[in-house]
Amino acid sequence: MSEPLLIESDGEIAQLTLNRPQARNALDRALRRALAGAFTELRSTARVVILTGAGSAFCAGFDLTELASGAAGADAATAGGDIRSELIPAIEQFPGPIIAAVNGPAATAGFELALACDLIIASTEARFADTHARVGILPGWGLSQRLPRLIGIARAKELAFTGGFVDAERAERWGLVNRVVAGDQLLPTAHALAREMIAAPRSVLADYKKLIDEGYATDLGSALDLEAERALESARRMSADAAAARRDEVVRRARKSRD
């Protein structure tokens, strides 16, 4: 039996591939646990994680066959009773950026999985759908709260109440995804972005992600106070020599990009 999750890493950049293509990468208990374990293990090593799917789908959501069979125990009653207590915190506690490289349909819990990442790169074959209402359950991974903040409450309600798919082009227009690329350029684009990100110091990259996330979760006034406080702390930790070295690196990269 093949592993439900493929893990590839060069030390600083890790790629996680949902590996149940015969089930459109539906999230059974084994895959959920493997994902949670991988994000937990990678906290101390990888600086950026890329999440994608094997085959033609990103993720079809929960494995409804497993739920219906009762093989997942209490999951049948709670649409995945362990989901909030294990997988989502593991994703949220990963300190670096997480890039969703959505290669095909991302539905329901698969949609939520993509939204739990920091940014989404979509192939032209990507599609997104929230079918919770049609299935007869409510979301538990943040979809009802994250999606309206990204695309607006009216658009989010349209997707939630109809269960219809939005294609990659419209998702980009709505601000749901960062960019859309051809299928064969999806992973190269995601890895190129990851390499750009790790040019920043490890601690700063993690601190910046935390600052954005914590500020976004509160009101603007409190967020601005938080930014000022963290900026002062950061400046106090930075020596003059380190600041000069980082400035020189920024200038070097800027010159290289123009050549």
Protein backbone atom coordinates (compact mmCIF):
# COMPACT_ATOMS: atom_id res chain seq x y z
CA MET A 1 0.00 0.00 0.00
CA SER A 2 1.40 3.41 -0.95
CA GLU A 3 1.99 6.10 1.64
CA PRO A 4 -0.96 8.54 1.93
CA LEU A 5 1.43 11.50 2.11
CA LEU A 6 4.67 12.02 0.19
CA ILE A 7 7.28 14.20 1.88
CA GLU A 8 10.18 15.73 -0.04
CA SER A 9 12.59 18.18 1.55
CA ASP A 10 15.88 19.86 0.79
CA GLY A 11 16.17 21.02 4.39
CA GLU A 12 14.64 24.50 4.09
CA ILE A 13 11.82 23.85 1.62
CA ALA A 14 9.51 20.87 2.04
CA GLN A 15 6.86 19.62 -0.38
CA LEU A 16 3.93 17.63 0.97
CA THR A 17 1.89 15.74 -1.63
CA LEU A 18 -1.49 14.28 -0.76
CA ASN A 19 -1.12 10.81 -2.24
CA ARG A 20 -4.53 9.19 -2.63
CA PRO A 21 -5.14 9.97 -6.31
CA GLN A 22 -7.53 7.04 -6.69
CA ALA A 23 -9.78 8.77 -4.12
CA ARG A 24 -9.07 12.29 -5.44
CA ASN A 25 -6.90 12.76 -2.35
CA ALA A 26 -9.89 12.58 -0.01
CA LEU A 27 -8.91 13.03 3.61
CA ASP A 28 -9.25 9.75 5.45
CA ARG A 29 -7.98 9.41 9.00
CA ALA A 30 -4.58 8.09 7.92
CA LEU A 31 -3.95 11.05 5.63
CA ARG A 32 -5.11 13.58 8.22
CA ARG A 33 -2.81 12.10 10.82
CA ALA A 34 0.09 11.97 8.38
CA LEU A 35 -0.42 15.64 7.52
CA ALA A 36 -0.59 16.69 11.15
CA GLY A 37 2.53 14.70 11.93
CA ALA A 38 4.43 16.13 8.98
CA PHE A 39 3.67 19.75 9.86
CA THR A 40 4.68 19.08 13.45
CA GLU A 41 7.92 17.36 12.45
CA LEU A 42 8.86 20.06 9.96
CA ARG A 43 8.58 22.95 12.43
CA SER A 44 12.21 22.64 13.47
CA THR A 45 13.68 22.16 10.00
CA ALA A 46 11.71 23.45 7.01
CA ARG A 47 11.24 27.19 6.56
CA VAL A 48 8.57 26.96 3.83
CA VAL A 49 6.13 24.15 3.07
CA ILE A 50 4.44 23.57 -0.30
CA LEU A 51 1.23 21.54 -0.17
CA THR A 52 -0.15 19.91 -3.32
CA GLY A 53 -2.05 16.86 -4.53
CA ALA A 54 -1.14 13.81 -6.61
CA GLY A 55 -3.05 13.13 -9.80
CA SER A 56 -5.78 15.38 -11.17
CA ALA A 57 -7.25 16.67 -7.88
CA PHE A 58 -5.93 18.73 -5.01
CA CYS A 59 -8.33 17.33 -2.43
CA ALA A 60 -11.96 16.22 -2.65
CA GLY A 61 -12.59 16.80 1.05
CA PHE A 62 -13.32 14.21 3.70
CA ASP A 63 -13.41 10.58 2.70
CA LEU A 64 -17.19 10.13 2.83
CA THR A 65 -16.87 6.40 2.18
CA GLU A 66 -14.85 6.04 5.37
CA LEU A 67 -17.28 8.22 7.32
CA ALA A 68 -20.33 6.33 6.06
CA SER A 69 -18.78 2.98 6.89
CA GLY A 70 -18.22 3.97 10.50
CA ALA A 71 -14.53 3.10 10.14
CA ALA A 72 -13.59 6.48 11.53
CA GLY A 73 -15.62 6.04 14.71
CA ALA A 74 -16.84 9.34 16.11
CA ASP A 75 -15.80 11.11 12.90
CA ALA A 76 -19.09 10.08 11.31
CA ALA A 77 -20.99 12.25 13.76
CA THR A 78 -18.64 15.19 13.80
CA ALA A 79 -17.31 15.29 10.22
CA GLY A 80 -13.87 14.41 11.50
CA GLY A 81 -13.82 14.71 15.26
CA ASP A 82 -10.04 14.98 15.42
CA ILE A 83 -9.75 17.69 12.79
CA ARG A 84 -9.59 20.76 14.97
CA SER A 85 -7.68 19.13 17.81
CA GLU A 86 -4.89 17.77 15.63
CA LEU A 87 -4.49 18.82 12.01
CA ILE A 88 -5.51 22.47 11.93
CA PRO A 89 -3.41 23.45 14.97
CA ALA A 90 -0.44 21.65 13.41
CA ILE A 91 -0.85 23.80 10.30
CA GLU A 92 -1.43 27.00 12.26
CA GLN A 93 1.60 26.38 14.47
CA PHE A 94 4.00 25.89 11.58
CA PRO A 95 6.11 29.06 11.85
CA GLY A 96 6.96 29.63 8.20
CA PRO A 97 4.90 30.32 5.09
CA ILE A 98 2.76 27.52 3.66
CA ILE A 99 2.03 27.62 -0.07
CA ALA A 100 -0.94 25.70 -1.42
CA ALA A 101 -0.16 24.57 -4.97
CA VAL A 102 -3.68 23.67 -6.07
CA ASN A 103 -3.43 21.39 -9.07
CA GLY A 104 -7.12 20.51 -9.49
CA PRO A 105 -10.47 20.54 -7.68
CA ALA A 106 -10.39 21.56 -4.01
CA ALA A 107 -13.77 20.84 -2.44
CA THR A 108 -15.22 21.27 1.04
CA ALA A 109 -12.50 20.18 3.52
CA GLY A 110 -10.03 20.32 0.62
CA PHE A 111 -11.04 23.93 0.07
CA GLU A 112 -10.56 24.57 3.78
CA LEU A 113 -7.14 22.94 3.64
CA ALA A 114 -6.07 25.34 0.90
CA LEU A 115 -7.45 28.32 2.82
CA ALA A 116 -5.49 27.28 5.91
CA CYS A 117 -2.31 27.93 3.93
CA ASP A 118 -0.74 31.39 3.71
CA LEU A 119 -1.12 31.76 -0.04
CA ILE A 120 -2.58 29.82 -2.93
CA ILE A 121 -1.06 29.26 -6.36
CA ALA A 122 -3.58 27.64 -8.68
CA SER A 123 -3.15 25.77 -11.94
CA THR A 124 -5.57 26.50 -14.75
CA GLU A 125 -7.25 23.19 -13.82
CA ALA A 126 -7.98 24.26 -10.24
CA ARG A 127 -11.56 24.68 -9.05
CA PHE A 128 -12.94 25.47 -5.62
CA ALA A 129 -16.25 24.49 -4.02
CA ASP A 130 -17.88 24.60 -0.59
CA THR A 131 -20.34 21.70 -0.51
CA HIS A 132 -20.84 21.57 3.26
CA ALA A 133 -24.49 22.62 2.99
CA ARG A 134 -25.21 20.05 0.30
CA VAL A 135 -23.61 17.30 2.36
CA GLY A 136 -25.59 18.44 5.39
CA ILE A 137 -22.78 19.56 7.71
CA LEU A 138 -21.17 22.80 8.81
CA PRO A 139 -17.48 23.62 8.23
CA GLY A 140 -15.04 23.19 11.09
CA TRP A 141 -11.71 24.27 9.61
CA GLY A 142 -12.39 28.00 9.33
CA LEU A 143 -14.01 28.17 5.89
CA SER A 144 -17.03 30.16 7.05
CA GLN A 145 -14.75 32.82 8.54
CA ARG A 146 -11.72 32.88 6.25
CA LEU A 147 -13.55 32.91 2.92
CA PRO A 148 -15.68 36.05 3.54
CA ARG A 149 -12.56 37.91 4.62
CA LEU A 150 -10.88 37.00 1.33
CA ILE A 151 -13.62 37.47 -1.26
CA GLY A 152 -16.38 39.35 0.54
CA ILE A 153 -19.40 38.10 2.44
CA ALA A 154 -21.84 38.03 -0.51
CA ARG A 155 -19.55 35.95 -2.72
CA ALA A 156 -18.75 33.61 0.16
CA LYS A 157 -22.46 33.11 0.82
CA GLU A 158 -23.08 32.35 -2.85
CA LEU A 159 -20.48 29.57 -2.77
CA ALA A 160 -21.66 28.26 0.60
CA PHE A 161 -25.36 28.17 -0.20
CA THR A 162 -25.13 26.80 -3.75
CA GLY A 163 -22.18 24.42 -3.48
CA GLY A 164 -21.11 25.55 -6.94
CA PHE A 165 -17.56 25.56 -8.24
CA VAL A 166 -15.52 28.67 -8.96
CA ASP A 167 -12.79 28.22 -11.57
CA ALA A 168 -9.20 29.39 -11.24
CA GLU A 169 -9.64 32.50 -13.38
CA ARG A 170 -12.57 33.78 -11.35
CA ALA A 171 -10.84 32.80 -8.11
CA GLU A 172 -7.93 35.03 -9.09
CA ARG A 173 -10.24 37.94 -9.95
CA TRP A 174 -11.96 37.56 -6.60
CA GLY A 175 -8.68 37.56 -4.68
CA LEU A 176 -9.03 33.96 -3.55
CA VAL A 177 -5.76 32.86 -5.15
CA ASN A 178 -2.50 34.76 -5.57
CA ARG A 179 -1.93 33.74 -9.17
CA VAL A 180 -2.92 31.20 -11.83
CA VAL A 181 -0.33 29.34 -13.91
CA ALA A 182 -0.27 26.50 -16.40
CA GLY A 183 -0.29 23.05 -14.85
CA ASP A 184 3.32 22.29 -15.75
CA GLN A 185 4.41 25.56 -14.13
CA LEU A 186 2.55 25.08 -10.84
CA LEU A 187 5.25 23.42 -8.75
CA PRO A 188 8.14 25.36 -10.34
CA THR A 189 6.31 28.59 -9.52
CA ALA A 190 5.63 27.49 -5.95
CA HIS A 191 9.27 26.48 -5.42
CA ALA A 192 10.53 29.73 -6.93
CA LEU A 193 8.35 31.67 -4.48
CA ALA A 194 9.64 29.53 -1.62
CA ARG A 195 13.24 30.27 -2.59
CA GLU A 196 12.47 33.99 -2.60
CA MET A 197 10.97 33.68 0.88
CA ILE A 198 13.92 31.88 2.45
CA ALA A 199 16.20 34.75 1.42
CA ALA A 200 14.85 36.47 4.55
CA PRO A 201 16.34 35.53 7.92
CA ARG A 202 14.55 32.58 9.51
CA SER A 203 13.46 34.46 12.64
CA VAL A 204 12.23 37.50 10.71
CA LEU A 205 10.19 35.41 8.28
CA ALA A 206 8.47 33.61 11.16
CA ASP A 207 7.97 36.82 13.14
CA TYR A 208 6.49 38.62 10.12
CA LYS A 209 4.00 35.82 9.48
CA LYS A 210 2.96 35.87 13.12
CA LEU A 211 2.61 39.67 13.10
CA ILE A 212 0.35 39.64 10.02
CA ASP A 213 -1.82 36.81 11.33
CA GLU A 214 -2.22 38.22 14.83
CA GLY A 215 -2.87 41.74 13.55
CA TYR A 216 -5.43 40.55 11.01
CA ALA A 217 -7.36 38.79 13.77
CA THR A 218 -7.98 42.04 15.65
CA ASP A 219 -9.08 45.61 14.93
CA LEU A 220 -6.86 48.06 13.03
CA GLY A 221 -5.98 50.22 16.02
CA SER A 222 -4.84 47.27 18.11
CA ALA A 223 -2.99 45.83 15.11
CA LEU A 224 -1.05 49.06 14.58
CA ASP A 225 -0.09 49.11 18.26
CA LEU A 226 1.05 45.50 17.94
CA GLU A 227 3.15 46.33 14.89
CA ALA A 228 4.84 49.25 16.66
CA GLU A 229 5.63 47.09 19.66
CA ARG A 230 7.07 44.25 17.57
CA ALA A 231 9.03 46.65 15.36
CA LEU A 232 10.72 48.16 18.41
CA GLU A 233 11.58 44.71 19.74
CA SER A 234 13.02 43.73 16.38
CA ALA A 235 15.11 46.87 16.10
CA ARG A 236 16.56 46.34 19.55
CA ARG A 237 17.69 42.83 18.60
CA MET A 238 19.34 43.95 15.35
CA SER A 239 23.00 44.99 15.59
CA ALA A 240 24.44 47.69 13.33
CA ASP A 241 26.63 45.15 11.54
CA ALA A 242 23.70 42.81 10.94
CA ALA A 243 21.57 45.67 9.62
CA ALA A 244 24.33 46.70 7.21
CA ALA A 245 24.78 43.13 6.00
CA ARG A 246 21.07 42.72 5.32
CA ARG A 247 20.94 46.07 3.52
CA ASP A 248 23.83 45.03 1.28
CA GLU A 249 22.07 41.73 0.52
CA VAL A 250 18.87 43.54 -0.49
CA VAL A 251 20.84 45.83 -2.80
CA ARG A 252 22.68 42.85 -4.33
CA ARG A 253 19.44 41.01 -5.02
CA ALA A 254 17.87 44.10 -6.53
CA ARG A 255 20.79 44.55 -8.90
CA LYS A 256 20.70 40.88 -9.85
CA SER A 257 16.98 41.07 -10.65
CA ARG A 258 17.64 43.94 -13.08
CA ASP A 259 20.40 42.09 -14.95
